[in-house]
N, C-alpha and C. Protein backbone atom coordinates (compact mmCIF):
# COMPACT_ATOMS: atom_id res chain seq x y z
N MET A 1 106.14 71.63 100.07
CA MET A 1 105.56 72.59 99.14
C MET A 1 105.02 71.84 97.93
N LYS A 2 103.81 72.18 97.54
CA LYS A 2 103.20 71.61 96.35
C LYS A 2 103.83 72.26 95.12
N THR A 3 103.74 71.60 93.98
CA THR A 3 104.27 72.22 92.76
C THR A 3 103.13 72.61 91.85
N ASN A 4 103.17 73.82 91.41
CA ASN A 4 102.17 74.38 90.52
C ASN A 4 102.88 75.44 89.69
N GLN A 5 103.99 75.03 89.06
CA GLN A 5 104.90 75.98 88.46
C GLN A 5 104.37 76.69 87.24
N SER A 6 103.23 76.28 86.71
CA SER A 6 102.71 76.96 85.54
C SER A 6 101.85 78.17 85.90
N LYS A 7 101.63 78.41 87.19
CA LYS A 7 100.77 79.51 87.61
C LYS A 7 101.57 80.61 88.29
N VAL A 8 101.15 81.84 88.01
CA VAL A 8 101.73 83.01 88.65
C VAL A 8 100.58 83.80 89.25
N ALA A 9 100.74 84.25 90.49
CA ALA A 9 99.73 85.06 91.15
C ALA A 9 100.26 86.45 91.40
N ILE A 10 99.46 87.44 91.04
CA ILE A 10 99.75 88.82 91.40
C ILE A 10 98.86 89.12 92.60
N VAL A 11 99.48 89.38 93.73
CA VAL A 11 98.72 89.61 94.96
C VAL A 11 98.87 91.08 95.33
N THR A 12 97.78 91.84 95.13
CA THR A 12 97.84 93.27 95.43
C THR A 12 97.91 93.49 96.94
N GLY A 13 98.65 94.52 97.32
CA GLY A 13 98.76 94.87 98.73
C GLY A 13 99.33 93.75 99.57
N SER A 14 100.33 93.06 99.05
CA SER A 14 100.80 91.87 99.74
C SER A 14 102.06 92.08 100.58
N SER A 15 102.35 93.31 100.91
CA SER A 15 103.49 93.55 101.79
C SER A 15 103.13 93.34 103.25
N ARG A 16 101.82 93.35 103.57
CA ARG A 16 101.38 93.20 104.96
C ARG A 16 99.98 92.57 104.99
N GLY A 17 99.53 92.21 106.17
CA GLY A 17 98.15 91.81 106.40
C GLY A 17 97.65 90.66 105.54
N ILE A 18 96.43 90.85 105.02
CA ILE A 18 95.77 89.81 104.23
C ILE A 18 96.61 89.45 103.01
N GLY A 19 97.11 90.44 102.31
CA GLY A 19 97.88 90.19 101.10
C GLY A 19 99.13 89.37 101.37
N ALA A 20 99.83 89.66 102.47
CA ALA A 20 101.02 88.89 102.81
C ALA A 20 100.66 87.44 103.10
N ALA A 21 99.56 87.23 103.82
CA ALA A 21 99.13 85.86 104.12
C ALA A 21 98.78 85.11 102.83
N ILE A 22 98.11 85.80 101.90
CA ILE A 22 97.76 85.17 100.62
C ILE A 22 99.01 84.84 99.83
N ALA A 23 99.94 85.79 99.75
CA ALA A 23 101.18 85.56 98.99
C ALA A 23 101.94 84.35 99.53
N LYS A 24 102.06 84.27 100.84
CA LYS A 24 102.77 83.15 101.45
C LYS A 24 102.05 81.83 101.21
N ARG A 25 100.73 81.84 101.32
CA ARG A 25 99.95 80.61 101.11
C ARG A 25 100.08 80.13 99.67
N LEU A 26 99.93 81.05 98.71
CA LEU A 26 100.01 80.66 97.31
C LEU A 26 101.41 80.16 96.96
N ALA A 27 102.43 80.79 97.52
CA ALA A 27 103.79 80.32 97.29
C ALA A 27 103.97 78.92 97.86
N SER A 28 103.39 78.66 99.03
CA SER A 28 103.50 77.31 99.61
C SER A 28 102.71 76.29 98.79
N ASP A 29 101.70 76.78 98.03
CA ASP A 29 100.94 75.91 97.12
C ASP A 29 101.69 75.69 95.81
N GLY A 30 102.83 76.38 95.63
CA GLY A 30 103.66 76.15 94.45
C GLY A 30 103.55 77.21 93.37
N LEU A 31 102.78 78.26 93.58
CA LEU A 31 102.67 79.31 92.57
C LEU A 31 103.83 80.28 92.72
N ALA A 32 104.26 80.86 91.61
CA ALA A 32 105.19 81.98 91.66
C ALA A 32 104.35 83.20 92.03
N VAL A 33 104.89 84.06 92.88
CA VAL A 33 104.09 85.17 93.42
C VAL A 33 104.75 86.50 93.14
N ILE A 34 103.94 87.44 92.66
CA ILE A 34 104.35 88.83 92.56
C ILE A 34 103.78 89.53 93.78
N VAL A 35 104.67 89.99 94.64
CA VAL A 35 104.29 90.68 95.88
C VAL A 35 104.16 92.16 95.55
N ASN A 36 102.92 92.61 95.41
CA ASN A 36 102.65 94.01 95.06
C ASN A 36 102.62 94.87 96.32
N TYR A 37 103.17 96.07 96.20
CA TYR A 37 103.13 97.03 97.31
C TYR A 37 103.05 98.43 96.73
N ALA A 38 102.53 99.35 97.54
CA ALA A 38 102.46 100.75 97.13
C ALA A 38 103.48 101.60 97.88
N GLY A 39 103.64 101.33 99.17
CA GLY A 39 104.52 102.19 99.94
C GLY A 39 105.32 101.51 101.02
N HIS A 40 105.28 100.21 101.09
CA HIS A 40 105.99 99.49 102.14
C HIS A 40 107.01 98.53 101.51
N ALA A 41 108.02 99.10 100.88
CA ALA A 41 109.01 98.30 100.16
C ALA A 41 109.74 97.32 101.06
N ALA A 42 110.12 97.75 102.25
CA ALA A 42 110.86 96.85 103.16
C ALA A 42 109.98 95.68 103.57
N ASP A 43 108.70 95.94 103.86
CA ASP A 43 107.79 94.86 104.24
C ASP A 43 107.60 93.89 103.07
N ALA A 44 107.47 94.42 101.85
CA ALA A 44 107.32 93.57 100.67
C ALA A 44 108.55 92.69 100.48
N GLU A 45 109.72 93.27 100.65
CA GLU A 45 110.95 92.51 100.51
C GLU A 45 111.06 91.42 101.58
N ASN A 46 110.56 91.71 102.78
CA ASN A 46 110.56 90.69 103.83
C ASN A 46 109.66 89.52 103.45
N VAL A 47 108.50 89.80 102.86
CA VAL A 47 107.60 88.73 102.41
C VAL A 47 108.29 87.90 101.33
N VAL A 48 108.93 88.57 100.38
CA VAL A 48 109.65 87.87 99.30
C VAL A 48 110.73 86.98 99.90
N GLN A 49 111.51 87.50 100.84
CA GLN A 49 112.59 86.71 101.44
C GLN A 49 112.04 85.52 102.21
N GLU A 50 110.91 85.70 102.90
CA GLU A 50 110.29 84.59 103.63
C GLU A 50 109.83 83.49 102.67
N ILE A 51 109.23 83.91 101.55
CA ILE A 51 108.79 82.94 100.54
C ILE A 51 109.99 82.19 99.96
N ARG A 52 111.03 82.92 99.60
CA ARG A 52 112.22 82.29 99.02
C ARG A 52 112.90 81.36 100.01
N ALA A 53 112.94 81.76 101.28
CA ALA A 53 113.57 80.93 102.31
C ALA A 53 112.85 79.59 102.46
N ALA A 54 111.55 79.59 102.16
CA ALA A 54 110.75 78.36 102.24
C ALA A 54 110.79 77.58 100.93
N GLY A 55 111.59 78.06 99.94
CA GLY A 55 111.72 77.35 98.68
C GLY A 55 110.79 77.84 97.59
N GLY A 56 110.08 78.92 97.83
CA GLY A 56 109.15 79.45 96.83
C GLY A 56 109.80 80.48 95.92
N ARG A 57 109.01 80.92 94.94
CA ARG A 57 109.47 81.92 93.99
C ARG A 57 108.63 83.18 94.14
N ALA A 58 109.30 84.32 94.32
CA ALA A 58 108.58 85.57 94.51
C ALA A 58 109.45 86.75 94.12
N VAL A 59 108.78 87.82 93.73
CA VAL A 59 109.45 89.08 93.43
C VAL A 59 108.52 90.20 93.88
N ALA A 60 109.10 91.30 94.37
CA ALA A 60 108.31 92.46 94.80
C ALA A 60 108.20 93.45 93.65
N VAL A 61 106.99 93.98 93.44
CA VAL A 61 106.74 94.97 92.38
C VAL A 61 105.91 96.10 92.96
N LYS A 62 106.38 97.33 92.77
CA LYS A 62 105.66 98.49 93.27
C LYS A 62 104.61 98.94 92.26
N ALA A 63 103.37 99.08 92.72
CA ALA A 63 102.28 99.63 91.92
C ALA A 63 101.16 99.99 92.88
N ASP A 64 100.61 101.18 92.74
CA ASP A 64 99.53 101.64 93.61
C ASP A 64 98.20 101.35 92.93
N VAL A 65 97.45 100.39 93.48
CA VAL A 65 96.19 99.99 92.84
C VAL A 65 95.11 101.06 92.93
N SER A 66 95.36 102.12 93.69
CA SER A 66 94.39 103.21 93.74
C SER A 66 94.60 104.22 92.62
N VAL A 67 95.68 104.04 91.84
CA VAL A 67 95.99 104.93 90.72
C VAL A 67 95.66 104.18 89.43
N PRO A 68 94.62 104.63 88.71
CA PRO A 68 94.19 103.91 87.50
C PRO A 68 95.30 103.69 86.49
N ALA A 69 96.23 104.62 86.37
CA ALA A 69 97.31 104.45 85.40
C ALA A 69 98.25 103.31 85.79
N GLU A 70 98.26 102.96 87.07
CA GLU A 70 99.14 101.88 87.52
C GLU A 70 98.44 100.53 87.52
N VAL A 71 97.07 100.51 87.80
CA VAL A 71 96.32 99.26 87.84
C VAL A 71 94.84 99.57 87.71
N ALA A 72 93.63 99.05 86.59
CA ALA A 72 92.24 99.30 86.40
C ALA A 72 91.48 98.76 87.52
N ALA A 73 89.79 98.61 87.49
CA ALA A 73 88.87 98.13 88.54
C ALA A 73 88.97 96.61 88.62
N VAL A 74 89.16 96.02 89.86
CA VAL A 74 89.39 94.58 90.04
C VAL A 74 88.23 93.74 89.53
N GLU A 75 87.00 94.11 89.89
CA GLU A 75 85.85 93.29 89.47
C GLU A 75 85.67 93.32 87.96
N THR A 76 85.88 94.47 87.34
CA THR A 76 85.76 94.57 85.88
C THR A 76 86.85 93.75 85.20
N LEU A 77 88.07 93.88 85.67
CA LEU A 77 89.16 93.08 85.10
C LEU A 77 88.90 91.59 85.28
N THR A 78 88.36 91.22 86.43
CA THR A 78 88.05 89.81 86.67
C THR A 78 87.10 89.29 85.61
N ASN A 79 86.05 90.07 85.30
CA ASN A 79 85.08 89.65 84.29
C ASN A 79 85.71 89.57 82.89
N ILE A 80 86.58 90.52 82.58
CA ILE A 80 87.24 90.51 81.27
C ILE A 80 88.16 89.31 81.15
N PHE A 81 89.00 89.09 82.18
CA PHE A 81 89.92 87.96 82.14
C PHE A 81 89.17 86.63 82.14
N ALA A 82 88.03 86.56 82.79
CA ALA A 82 87.27 85.31 82.89
C ALA A 82 86.77 84.83 81.54
N LYS A 83 86.61 85.74 80.60
CA LYS A 83 86.15 85.35 79.26
C LYS A 83 87.22 84.57 78.50
N ASN A 84 88.49 84.78 78.86
CA ASN A 84 89.60 84.14 78.16
C ASN A 84 90.33 83.08 78.98
N SER A 85 90.24 83.19 80.28
CA SER A 85 90.90 82.22 81.17
C SER A 85 90.23 82.32 82.54
N ALA A 86 90.65 81.49 83.45
CA ALA A 86 90.05 81.51 84.78
C ALA A 86 90.48 82.76 85.54
N ALA A 87 89.52 83.47 86.09
CA ALA A 87 89.81 84.66 86.89
C ALA A 87 88.69 84.88 87.89
N ASN A 88 89.06 85.14 89.11
CA ASN A 88 88.12 85.42 90.17
C ASN A 88 88.69 86.51 91.06
N ALA A 89 87.84 87.13 91.85
CA ALA A 89 88.27 88.13 92.81
C ALA A 89 87.74 87.74 94.18
N VAL A 90 88.45 88.12 95.22
CA VAL A 90 88.01 87.88 96.58
C VAL A 90 87.85 89.22 97.26
N ALA A 91 86.67 89.44 97.88
CA ALA A 91 86.39 90.68 98.60
C ALA A 91 86.26 90.34 100.09
N PRO A 92 87.32 90.58 100.86
CA PRO A 92 87.27 90.22 102.27
C PRO A 92 86.44 91.20 103.09
N GLY A 93 85.83 90.68 104.15
CA GLY A 93 85.13 91.52 105.11
C GLY A 93 86.10 91.97 106.19
N PRO A 94 85.57 92.43 107.34
CA PRO A 94 86.45 92.89 108.42
C PRO A 94 87.44 91.80 108.83
N THR A 95 88.71 92.12 108.69
CA THR A 95 89.77 91.15 108.95
C THR A 95 90.80 91.77 109.89
N ALA A 96 91.22 91.01 110.86
CA ALA A 96 92.14 91.48 111.90
C ALA A 96 93.53 91.77 111.35
N THR A 97 93.70 92.99 110.87
CA THR A 97 95.00 93.45 110.37
C THR A 97 95.26 94.84 110.95
N ASP A 98 96.50 95.29 110.86
CA ASP A 98 96.81 96.64 111.33
C ASP A 98 95.96 97.68 110.61
N LEU A 99 95.75 97.49 109.32
CA LEU A 99 94.94 98.43 108.55
C LEU A 99 93.52 98.50 109.08
N PHE A 100 92.94 97.35 109.43
CA PHE A 100 91.58 97.32 109.97
C PHE A 100 91.51 98.03 111.32
N PHE A 101 92.47 97.76 112.21
CA PHE A 101 92.43 98.32 113.56
C PHE A 101 92.71 99.82 113.59
N ASN A 102 93.47 100.31 112.62
CA ASN A 102 93.90 101.71 112.61
C ASN A 102 92.72 102.67 112.63
N GLY A 103 92.67 103.53 113.65
CA GLY A 103 91.67 104.58 113.73
C GLY A 103 90.32 104.15 114.28
N LYS A 104 90.20 102.90 114.74
CA LYS A 104 88.92 102.44 115.28
C LYS A 104 89.01 102.32 116.79
N THR A 105 87.92 102.62 117.44
CA THR A 105 87.86 102.47 118.89
C THR A 105 87.63 101.00 119.22
N PRO A 106 87.93 100.58 120.45
CA PRO A 106 87.63 99.20 120.85
C PRO A 106 86.14 98.87 120.69
N GLU A 107 85.28 99.86 120.92
CA GLU A 107 83.84 99.63 120.76
C GLU A 107 83.48 99.37 119.31
N GLN A 108 84.07 100.13 118.39
CA GLN A 108 83.81 99.92 116.97
C GLN A 108 84.29 98.54 116.52
N ILE A 109 85.45 98.15 116.99
CA ILE A 109 85.99 96.85 116.63
C ILE A 109 85.09 95.74 117.15
N ALA A 110 84.65 95.85 118.40
CA ALA A 110 83.77 94.85 118.99
C ALA A 110 82.45 94.77 118.22
N HIS A 111 81.90 95.92 117.85
CA HIS A 111 80.64 95.95 117.09
C HIS A 111 80.80 95.25 115.74
N MET A 112 81.87 95.58 115.03
CA MET A 112 82.08 94.97 113.72
C MET A 112 82.34 93.47 113.84
N SER A 113 82.97 93.05 114.93
CA SER A 113 83.23 91.62 115.14
C SER A 113 81.95 90.84 115.34
N LYS A 114 80.94 91.47 115.90
CA LYS A 114 79.67 90.79 116.16
C LYS A 114 78.73 90.80 114.96
N MET A 115 79.09 91.48 113.89
CA MET A 115 78.24 91.53 112.70
C MET A 115 78.17 90.18 111.98
N ALA A 116 79.25 89.42 112.03
CA ALA A 116 79.27 88.12 111.37
C ALA A 116 78.63 87.08 112.29
N PRO A 117 77.96 86.07 111.74
CA PRO A 117 77.34 85.04 112.57
C PRO A 117 78.31 84.34 113.53
N LEU A 118 79.58 84.23 113.16
CA LEU A 118 80.55 83.59 114.06
C LEU A 118 81.07 84.53 115.14
N GLU A 119 80.65 85.79 115.08
CA GLU A 119 80.99 86.82 116.06
C GLU A 119 82.50 86.95 116.28
N ARG A 120 83.21 87.02 115.20
CA ARG A 120 84.65 87.27 115.25
C ARG A 120 85.07 87.96 113.98
N GLN A 121 86.25 88.53 114.01
CA GLN A 121 86.83 89.09 112.80
C GLN A 121 87.47 87.97 112.01
N GLY A 122 87.59 88.20 110.73
CA GLY A 122 88.34 87.27 109.92
C GLY A 122 89.81 87.38 110.26
N ARG A 123 90.56 86.37 109.91
CA ARG A 123 92.02 86.37 110.05
C ARG A 123 92.61 86.38 108.65
N PRO A 124 93.78 86.95 108.46
CA PRO A 124 94.39 86.91 107.13
C PRO A 124 94.46 85.50 106.56
N GLU A 125 94.68 84.52 107.41
CA GLU A 125 94.77 83.13 106.95
C GLU A 125 93.42 82.63 106.43
N ASP A 126 92.30 83.15 106.97
CA ASP A 126 90.97 82.78 106.46
C ASP A 126 90.84 83.17 104.99
N ILE A 127 91.29 84.37 104.68
CA ILE A 127 91.18 84.88 103.32
C ILE A 127 92.17 84.14 102.41
N ALA A 128 93.37 83.88 102.92
CA ALA A 128 94.38 83.15 102.14
C ALA A 128 93.87 81.77 101.75
N GLY A 129 93.15 81.11 102.65
CA GLY A 129 92.61 79.80 102.36
C GLY A 129 91.59 79.82 101.23
N VAL A 130 90.77 80.88 101.20
CA VAL A 130 89.77 81.03 100.13
C VAL A 130 90.48 81.20 98.79
N VAL A 131 91.49 82.05 98.75
CA VAL A 131 92.23 82.29 97.52
C VAL A 131 92.93 81.01 97.07
N SER A 132 93.54 80.31 98.02
CA SER A 132 94.20 79.05 97.69
C SER A 132 93.23 78.07 97.05
N PHE A 133 92.03 77.97 97.60
CA PHE A 133 91.01 77.09 97.02
C PHE A 133 90.68 77.51 95.59
N LEU A 134 90.48 78.80 95.37
CA LEU A 134 90.07 79.28 94.04
C LEU A 134 91.11 78.97 92.96
N VAL A 135 92.39 79.01 93.32
CA VAL A 135 93.41 78.76 92.30
C VAL A 135 93.82 77.29 92.23
N SER A 136 93.24 76.46 93.10
CA SER A 136 93.55 75.03 93.10
C SER A 136 92.68 74.30 92.09
N PRO A 137 93.00 73.05 91.80
CA PRO A 137 92.14 72.25 90.92
C PRO A 137 90.70 72.15 91.45
N ASP A 138 90.52 72.18 92.78
CA ASP A 138 89.18 72.11 93.34
C ASP A 138 88.32 73.32 92.99
N GLY A 139 88.96 74.45 92.70
CA GLY A 139 88.23 75.65 92.33
C GLY A 139 88.17 75.88 90.83
N ALA A 140 88.54 74.87 90.06
CA ALA A 140 88.66 75.03 88.60
C ALA A 140 87.34 75.36 87.91
N TRP A 141 86.21 75.01 88.46
CA TRP A 141 84.93 75.26 87.81
C TRP A 141 84.33 76.61 88.21
N ILE A 142 85.02 77.34 89.05
CA ILE A 142 84.58 78.67 89.47
C ILE A 142 85.31 79.69 88.61
N ASN A 143 84.56 80.56 87.94
CA ASN A 143 85.19 81.52 87.02
C ASN A 143 84.34 82.78 86.94
N GLY A 144 85.01 83.92 86.91
CA GLY A 144 84.33 85.20 86.73
C GLY A 144 83.53 85.64 87.96
N GLN A 145 83.93 85.19 89.13
CA GLN A 145 83.16 85.48 90.34
C GLN A 145 83.91 86.42 91.26
N THR A 146 83.18 87.18 92.03
CA THR A 146 83.74 87.93 93.16
C THR A 146 83.20 87.24 94.41
N LEU A 147 84.07 86.57 95.12
CA LEU A 147 83.69 85.85 96.31
C LEU A 147 83.86 86.74 97.52
N ARG A 148 82.78 86.96 98.23
CA ARG A 148 82.81 87.82 99.42
C ARG A 148 83.11 86.95 100.63
N ALA A 149 84.37 86.96 101.04
CA ALA A 149 84.82 86.18 102.19
C ALA A 149 84.70 87.06 103.42
N ASN A 150 83.48 87.09 103.99
CA ASN A 150 83.21 88.06 105.05
C ASN A 150 82.52 87.46 106.27
N GLY A 151 82.58 86.16 106.42
CA GLY A 151 82.00 85.53 107.59
C GLY A 151 80.49 85.53 107.62
N GLY A 152 79.85 85.81 106.52
CA GLY A 152 78.39 85.76 106.45
C GLY A 152 77.70 87.10 106.64
N ILE A 153 78.47 88.18 106.62
CA ILE A 153 77.86 89.51 106.73
C ILE A 153 77.09 89.78 105.45
N VAL A 154 75.81 90.10 105.57
CA VAL A 154 75.00 90.37 104.38
C VAL A 154 74.48 91.78 104.38
């Protein structure tokens, strides 16, 4: 595990899917992680326990990002925070998670998979890698951006 003890990441929706992959990746990069969840407390606690078992630091916090009183607009906050410190947002495209598959027919999934030039869905680890880059020293010159990690869908 790398050490990056001066950084803390709040990962929204990190009890499952993309968010869980990001939380685990950032913890393995040495960041302390706040595992945010809205309704899956047991899943969030499992992510926290997995991070801690690997030697990382994490805590689960309940907040529904769809409720303005609990959390404001991500892109707007990113721009506000970027004026005072480094802040970026990642907007993932179709990614192979339970949330993505829910309610879609096999035909719809196949169609969406072919929209990207690589003709596949993203994986949670694809998105986690982008976030890891942004918070690393290699991403230090990137600020105030919303990066669309969507496999080239335009």
